[in-house]
């Protein structure tokens, strides 16, 4: 069985910047916030898709529509 997981370095500090977001929307209420605890790796279905803030694999997600 494969799992989706995000690994967070709880000692790492960073400043959230809207321009750095990996999202279609660059809007965030947290732009400029200093945070402690930063995601360093994301694994989807056993494949590393993000490492150290960089996308390293094509998207693997899929849209799941709610049933009626």
PDB file of N, CA and C in Angstrom:
ATOM      1  N   UNK A   1       0.837  -1.172   0.000  1.00  0.00           N
ATOM      2  CA  UNK A   1       0.000   0.000   0.000  1.00  0.00           C
ATOM      3  C   UNK A   1       0.887   1.242   0.000  1.00  0.00           C
ATOM      4  N   UNK A   2       0.509   2.233  -0.764  1.00  0.00           N
ATOM      5  CA  UNK A   2       1.261   3.482  -0.827  1.00  0.00           C
ATOM      6  C   UNK A   2       0.501   4.566  -0.070  1.00  0.00           C
ATOM      7  N   UNK A   3       1.247   5.503   0.508  1.00  0.00           N
ATOM      8  CA  UNK A   3       0.629   6.562   1.313  1.00  0.00           C
ATOM      9  C   UNK A   3       1.089   7.932   0.826  1.00  0.00           C
ATOM     10  N   UNK A   4       0.309   8.941   1.153  1.00  0.00           N
ATOM     11  CA  UNK A   4       0.680  10.329   0.910  1.00  0.00           C
ATOM     12  C   UNK A   4       1.144  10.906   2.246  1.00  0.00           C
ATOM     13  N   UNK A   5       2.279  11.598   2.217  1.00  0.00           N
ATOM     14  CA  UNK A   5       2.832  12.126   3.466  1.00  0.00           C
ATOM     15  C   UNK A   5       3.630  13.389   3.173  1.00  0.00           C
ATOM     16  N   UNK A   6       3.618  14.313   4.123  1.00  0.00           N
ATOM     17  CA  UNK A   6       4.461  15.496   4.060  1.00  0.00           C
ATOM     18  C   UNK A   6       5.388  15.467   5.263  1.00  0.00           C
ATOM     19  N   UNK A   7       6.674  15.627   5.007  1.00  0.00           N
ATOM     20  CA  UNK A   7       7.682  15.652   6.061  1.00  0.00           C
ATOM     21  C   UNK A   7       7.968  17.113   6.388  1.00  0.00           C
ATOM     22  N   UNK A   8       7.872  17.446   7.677  1.00  0.00           N
ATOM     23  CA  UNK A   8       8.046  18.824   8.130  1.00  0.00           C
ATOM     24  C   UNK A   8       9.254  18.903   9.053  1.00  0.00           C
ATOM     25  N   UNK A   9      10.160  19.835   8.760  1.00  0.00           N
ATOM     26  CA  UNK A   9      11.288  20.111   9.650  1.00  0.00           C
ATOM     27  C   UNK A   9      10.797  21.140  10.665  1.00  0.00           C
ATOM     28  N   UNK A  10      10.532  20.695  11.885  1.00  0.00           N
ATOM     29  CA  UNK A  10       9.940  21.556  12.904  1.00  0.00           C
ATOM     30  C   UNK A  10      10.908  22.605  13.454  1.00  0.00           C
ATOM     31  N   UNK A  11      12.188  22.519  13.103  1.00  0.00           N
ATOM     32  CA  UNK A  11      13.169  23.512  13.547  1.00  0.00           C
ATOM     33  C   UNK A  11      13.479  24.546  12.476  1.00  0.00           C
ATOM     34  N   UNK A  12      13.096  24.279  11.244  1.00  0.00           N
ATOM     35  CA  UNK A  12      13.401  25.182  10.133  1.00  0.00           C
ATOM     36  C   UNK A  12      12.462  26.392  10.178  1.00  0.00           C
ATOM     37  N   UNK A  13      13.015  27.568   9.924  1.00  0.00           N
ATOM     38  CA  UNK A  13      12.235  28.800   9.897  1.00  0.00           C
ATOM     39  C   UNK A  13      12.235  29.383   8.490  1.00  0.00           C
ATOM     40  N   UNK A  14      11.148  30.056   8.151  1.00  0.00           N
ATOM     41  CA  UNK A  14      11.024  30.666   6.820  1.00  0.00           C
ATOM     42  C   UNK A  14      10.001  31.794   6.875  1.00  0.00           C
ATOM     43  N   UNK A  15       9.989  32.597   5.837  1.00  0.00           N
ATOM     44  CA  UNK A  15       8.977  33.635   5.675  1.00  0.00           C
ATOM     45  C   UNK A  15       8.086  33.230   4.516  1.00  0.00           C
ATOM     46  N   UNK A  16       6.777  33.223   4.742  1.00  0.00           N
ATOM     47  CA  UNK A  16       5.826  32.866   3.687  1.00  0.00           C
ATOM     48  C   UNK A  16       5.771  34.009   2.685  1.00  0.00           C
ATOM     49  N   UNK A  17       5.927  33.669   1.404  1.00  0.00           N
ATOM     50  CA  UNK A  17       5.874  34.658   0.324  1.00  0.00           C
ATOM     51  C   UNK A  17       4.865  34.179  -0.710  1.00  0.00           C
ATOM     52  N   UNK A  18       3.866  35.007  -0.991  1.00  0.00           N
ATOM     53  CA  UNK A  18       2.822  34.636  -1.948  1.00  0.00           C
ATOM     54  C   UNK A  18       3.425  34.226  -3.288  1.00  0.00           C
ATOM     55  N   UNK A  19       4.461  34.902  -3.725  1.00  0.00           N
ATOM     56  CA  UNK A  19       5.082  34.614  -5.025  1.00  0.00           C
ATOM     57  C   UNK A  19       5.715  33.230  -5.078  1.00  0.00           C
ATOM     58  N   UNK A  20       6.034  32.647  -3.923  1.00  0.00           N
ATOM     59  CA  UNK A  20       6.680  31.338  -3.883  1.00  0.00           C
ATOM     60  C   UNK A  20       5.698  30.172  -3.792  1.00  0.00           C
ATOM     61  N   UNK A  21       4.410  30.458  -3.653  1.00  0.00           N
ATOM     62  CA  UNK A  21       3.422  29.392  -3.503  1.00  0.00           C
ATOM     63  C   UNK A  21       3.299  28.571  -4.773  1.00  0.00           C
ATOM     64  N   UNK A  22       3.165  27.260  -4.622  1.00  0.00           N
ATOM     65  CA  UNK A  22       2.966  26.348  -5.743  1.00  0.00           C
ATOM     66  C   UNK A  22       1.472  26.096  -5.892  1.00  0.00           C
ATOM     67  N   UNK A  23       0.759  27.133  -6.287  1.00  0.00           N
ATOM     68  CA  UNK A  23      -0.689  27.077  -6.392  1.00  0.00           C
ATOM     69  C   UNK A  23      -1.130  27.986  -7.525  1.00  0.00           C
ATOM     70  N   UNK A  24      -2.273  27.693  -8.110  1.00  0.00           N
ATOM     71  CA  UNK A  24      -2.809  28.580  -9.145  1.00  0.00           C
ATOM     72  C   UNK A  24      -3.123  29.939  -8.544  1.00  0.00           C
ATOM     73  N   UNK A  25      -3.580  29.952  -7.303  1.00  0.00           N
ATOM     74  CA  UNK A  25      -3.895  31.199  -6.617  1.00  0.00           C
ATOM     75  C   UNK A  25      -2.693  31.641  -5.799  1.00  0.00           C
ATOM     76  N   UNK A  26      -2.281  32.867  -5.972  1.00  0.00           N
ATOM     77  CA  UNK A  26      -1.155  33.401  -5.197  1.00  0.00           C
ATOM     78  C   UNK A  26      -1.647  34.245  -4.027  1.00  0.00           C
ATOM     79  N   UNK A  27      -2.935  34.135  -3.697  1.00  0.00           N
ATOM     80  CA  UNK A  27      -3.516  34.912  -2.615  1.00  0.00           C
ATOM     81  C   UNK A  27      -3.340  34.154  -1.300  1.00  0.00           C
ATOM     82  N   UNK A  28      -2.782  34.821  -0.304  1.00  0.00           N
ATOM     83  CA  UNK A  28      -2.665  34.232   1.029  1.00  0.00           C
ATOM     84  C   UNK A  28      -2.706  35.329   2.076  1.00  0.00           C
ATOM     85  N   UNK A  29      -3.417  35.055   3.143  1.00  0.00           N
ATOM     86  CA  UNK A  29      -3.471  35.997   4.263  1.00  0.00           C
ATOM     87  C   UNK A  29      -2.172  35.970   5.064  1.00  0.00           C
ATOM     88  N   UNK A  30      -1.298  35.018   4.771  1.00  0.00           N
ATOM     89  CA  UNK A  30      -0.078  34.825   5.548  1.00  0.00           C
ATOM     90  C   UNK A  30       1.180  35.382   4.875  1.00  0.00           C
ATOM     91  N   UNK A  31       1.027  36.113   3.784  1.00  0.00           N
ATOM     92  CA  UNK A  31       2.174  36.688   3.078  1.00  0.00           C
ATOM     93  C   UNK A  31       2.995  37.549   4.041  1.00  0.00           C
ATOM     94  N   UNK A  32       4.280  37.240   4.141  1.00  0.00           N
ATOM     95  CA  UNK A  32       5.173  37.995   5.011  1.00  0.00           C
ATOM     96  C   UNK A  32       5.298  37.438   6.424  1.00  0.00           C
ATOM     97  N   UNK A  33       4.510  36.424   6.770  1.00  0.00           N
ATOM     98  CA  UNK A  33       4.587  35.838   8.112  1.00  0.00           C
ATOM     99  C   UNK A  33       5.855  35.011   8.255  1.00  0.00           C
ATOM    100  N   UNK A  34       6.505  35.149   9.384  1.00  0.00           N
ATOM    101  CA  UNK A  34       7.665  34.332   9.740  1.00  0.00           C
ATOM    102  C   UNK A  34       7.133  33.107  10.478  1.00  0.00           C
ATOM    103  N   UNK A  35       7.531  31.904  10.027  1.00  0.00           N
ATOM    104  CA  UNK A  35       7.015  30.667  10.618  1.00  0.00           C
ATOM    105  C   UNK A  35       8.158  29.739  11.019  1.00  0.00           C
ATOM    106  N   UNK A  36       7.866  28.866  11.958  1.00  0.00           N
ATOM    107  CA  UNK A  36       8.803  27.820  12.354  1.00  0.00           C
ATOM    108  C   UNK A  36       8.093  26.496  12.124  1.00  0.00           C
ATOM    109  N   UNK A  37       8.728  25.608  11.370  1.00  0.00           N
ATOM    110  CA  UNK A  37       8.115  24.355  10.945  1.00  0.00           C
ATOM    111  C   UNK A  37       7.804  24.463   9.474  1.00  0.00           C
ATOM    112  N   UNK A  38       8.662  23.886   8.623  1.00  0.00           N
ATOM    113  CA  UNK A  38       8.552  24.056   7.173  1.00  0.00           C
ATOM    114  C   UNK A  38       8.506  22.689   6.493  1.00  0.00           C
ATOM    115  N   UNK A  39       7.544  22.489   5.569  1.00  0.00           N
ATOM    116  CA  UNK A  39       7.524  21.237   4.807  1.00  0.00           C
ATOM    117  C   UNK A  39       8.803  21.119   3.976  1.00  0.00           C
ATOM    118  N   UNK A  40       9.465  19.969   4.048  1.00  0.00           N
ATOM    119  CA  UNK A  40      10.707  19.776   3.289  1.00  0.00           C
ATOM    120  C   UNK A  40      10.587  18.686   2.227  1.00  0.00           C
ATOM    121  N   UNK A  41       9.552  17.842   2.342  1.00  0.00           N
ATOM    122  CA  UNK A  41       9.355  16.801   1.334  1.00  0.00           C
ATOM    123  C   UNK A  41       7.894  16.352   1.358  1.00  0.00           C
ATOM    124  N   UNK A  42       7.333  16.137   0.172  1.00  0.00           N
ATOM    125  CA  UNK A  42       5.983  15.594   0.053  1.00  0.00           C
ATOM    126  C   UNK A  42       6.041  14.369  -0.847  1.00  0.00           C
ATOM    127  N   UNK A  43       5.438  13.290  -0.367  1.00  0.00           N
ATOM    128  CA  UNK A  43       5.428  12.028  -1.102  1.00  0.00           C
ATOM    129  C   UNK A  43       3.969  11.677  -1.396  1.00  0.00           C
ATOM    130  N   UNK A  44       3.657  11.437  -2.671  1.00  0.00           N
ATOM    131  CA  UNK A  44       2.307  11.077  -3.102  1.00  0.00           C
ATOM    132  C   UNK A  44       2.374   9.727  -3.804  1.00  0.00           C
ATOM    133  N   UNK A  45       1.601   8.770  -3.304  1.00  0.00           N
ATOM    134  CA  UNK A  45       1.577   7.411  -3.863  1.00  0.00           C
ATOM    135  C   UNK A  45       2.976   6.821  -4.013  1.00  0.00           C
ATOM    136  N   UNK A  46       3.839   7.093  -3.043  1.00  0.00           N
ATOM    137  CA  UNK A  46       5.183   6.540  -3.062  1.00  0.00           C
ATOM    138  C   UNK A  46       6.193   7.308  -3.900  1.00  0.00           C
ATOM    139  N   UNK A  47       5.774   8.412  -4.540  1.00  0.00           N
ATOM    140  CA  UNK A  47       6.671   9.219  -5.376  1.00  0.00           C
ATOM    141  C   UNK A  47       6.929  10.566  -4.705  1.00  0.00           C
ATOM    142  N   UNK A  48       8.197  10.961  -4.582  1.00  0.00           N
ATOM    143  CA  UNK A  48       8.518  12.287  -4.061  1.00  0.00           C
ATOM    144  C   UNK A  48       8.126  13.319  -5.103  1.00  0.00           C
ATOM    145  N   UNK A  49       7.241  14.253  -4.719  1.00  0.00           N
ATOM    146  CA  UNK A  49       6.789  15.278  -5.671  1.00  0.00           C
ATOM    147  C   UNK A  49       7.321  16.664  -5.317  1.00  0.00           C
ATOM    148  N   UNK A  50       7.737  16.870  -4.048  1.00  0.00           N
ATOM    149  CA  UNK A  50       8.343  18.133  -3.640  1.00  0.00           C
ATOM    150  C   UNK A  50       9.483  17.826  -2.693  1.00  0.00           C
ATOM    151  N   UNK A  51      10.613  18.487  -2.932  1.00  0.00           N
ATOM    152  CA  UNK A  51      11.769  18.325  -2.048  1.00  0.00           C
ATOM    153  C   UNK A  51      12.430  19.687  -1.891  1.00  0.00           C
ATOM    154  N   UNK A  52      12.591  20.113  -0.639  1.00  0.00           N
ATOM    155  CA  UNK A  52      13.231  21.397  -0.315  1.00  0.00           C
ATOM    156  C   UNK A  52      12.607  22.569  -1.070  1.00  0.00           C
ATOM    157  N   UNK A  53      11.275  22.579  -1.158  1.00  0.00           N
ATOM    158  CA  UNK A  53      10.554  23.700  -1.761  1.00  0.00           C
ATOM    159  C   UNK A  53      10.432  23.663  -3.269  1.00  0.00           C
ATOM    160  N   UNK A  54      11.007  22.656  -3.916  1.00  0.00           N
ATOM    161  CA  UNK A  54      10.972  22.566  -5.375  1.00  0.00           C
ATOM    162  C   UNK A  54      10.129  21.372  -5.823  1.00  0.00           C
ATOM    163  N   UNK A  55       9.309  21.579  -6.842  1.00  0.00           N
ATOM    164  CA  UNK A  55       8.538  20.490  -7.425  1.00  0.00           C
ATOM    165  C   UNK A  55       9.505  19.619  -8.228  1.00  0.00           C
ATOM    166  N   UNK A  56       9.535  18.311  -7.933  1.00  0.00           N
ATOM    167  CA  UNK A  56      10.489  17.410  -8.588  1.00  0.00           C
ATOM    168  C   UNK A  56       9.804  16.298  -9.381  1.00  0.00           C
ATOM    169  N   UNK A  57       8.464  16.335  -9.446  1.00  0.00           N
ATOM    170  CA  UNK A  57       7.718  15.300 -10.157  1.00  0.00           C
ATOM    171  C   UNK A  57       6.428  15.911 -10.671  1.00  0.00           C
ATOM    172  N   UNK A  58       5.917  15.377 -11.760  1.00  0.00           N
ATOM    173  CA  UNK A  58       4.641  15.867 -12.287  1.00  0.00           C
ATOM    174  C   UNK A  58       3.528  15.638 -11.262  1.00  0.00           C
ATOM    175  N   UNK A  59       2.458  16.436 -11.324  1.00  0.00           N
ATOM    176  CA  UNK A  59       1.344  16.254 -10.384  1.00  0.00           C
ATOM    177  C   UNK A  59       0.748  14.862 -10.479  1.00  0.00           C
ATOM    178  N   UNK A  60       0.377  14.281  -9.340  1.00  0.00           N
ATOM    179  CA  UNK A  60      -0.185  12.950  -9.305  1.00  0.00           C
ATOM    180  C   UNK A  60      -1.613  12.909  -8.763  1.00  0.00           C
ATOM    181  N   UNK A  61      -2.127  14.034  -8.307  1.00  0.00           N
ATOM    182  CA  UNK A  61      -3.459  14.082  -7.713  1.00  0.00           C
ATOM    183  C   UNK A  61      -4.553  13.907  -8.752  1.00  0.00           C
ATOM    184  N   UNK A  62      -5.754  13.661  -8.277  1.00  0.00           N
ATOM    185  CA  UNK A  62      -6.894  13.566  -9.167  1.00  0.00           C
ATOM    186  C   UNK A  62      -8.106  14.183  -8.498  1.00  0.00           C
ATOM    187  N   UNK A  63      -9.020  14.714  -9.302  1.00  0.00           N
ATOM    188  CA  UNK A  63     -10.237  15.311  -8.793  1.00  0.00           C
ATOM    189  C   UNK A  63     -11.212  14.213  -8.401  1.00  0.00           C
ATOM    190  N   UNK A  64     -11.733  14.308  -7.209  1.00  0.00           N
ATOM    191  CA  UNK A  64     -12.753  13.364  -6.746  1.00  0.00           C
ATOM    192  C   UNK A  64     -14.003  14.187  -6.458  1.00  0.00           C
ATOM    193  N   UNK A  65     -15.038  13.939  -7.238  1.00  0.00           N
ATOM    194  CA  UNK A  65     -16.288  14.681  -7.080  1.00  0.00           C
ATOM    195  C   UNK A  65     -17.187  13.989  -6.065  1.00  0.00           C
ATOM    196  N   UNK A  66     -17.864  14.777  -5.221  1.00  0.00           N
ATOM    197  CA  UNK A  66     -18.754  14.169  -4.235  1.00  0.00           C
ATOM    198  C   UNK A  66     -19.934  13.492  -4.908  1.00  0.00           C
ATOM    199  N   UNK A  67     -20.397  12.404  -4.320  1.00  0.00           N
ATOM    200  CA  UNK A  67     -21.544  11.681  -4.853  1.00  0.00           C
ATOM    201  C   UNK A  67     -22.842  12.426  -4.591  1.00  0.00           C
ATOM    202  N   UNK A  68     -23.885  12.052  -5.314  1.00  0.00           N
ATOM    203  CA  UNK A  68     -25.185  12.706  -5.127  1.00  0.00           C
ATOM    204  C   UNK A  68     -25.985  12.014  -4.063  1.00  0.00           C
TER     205      UNK A  68
END
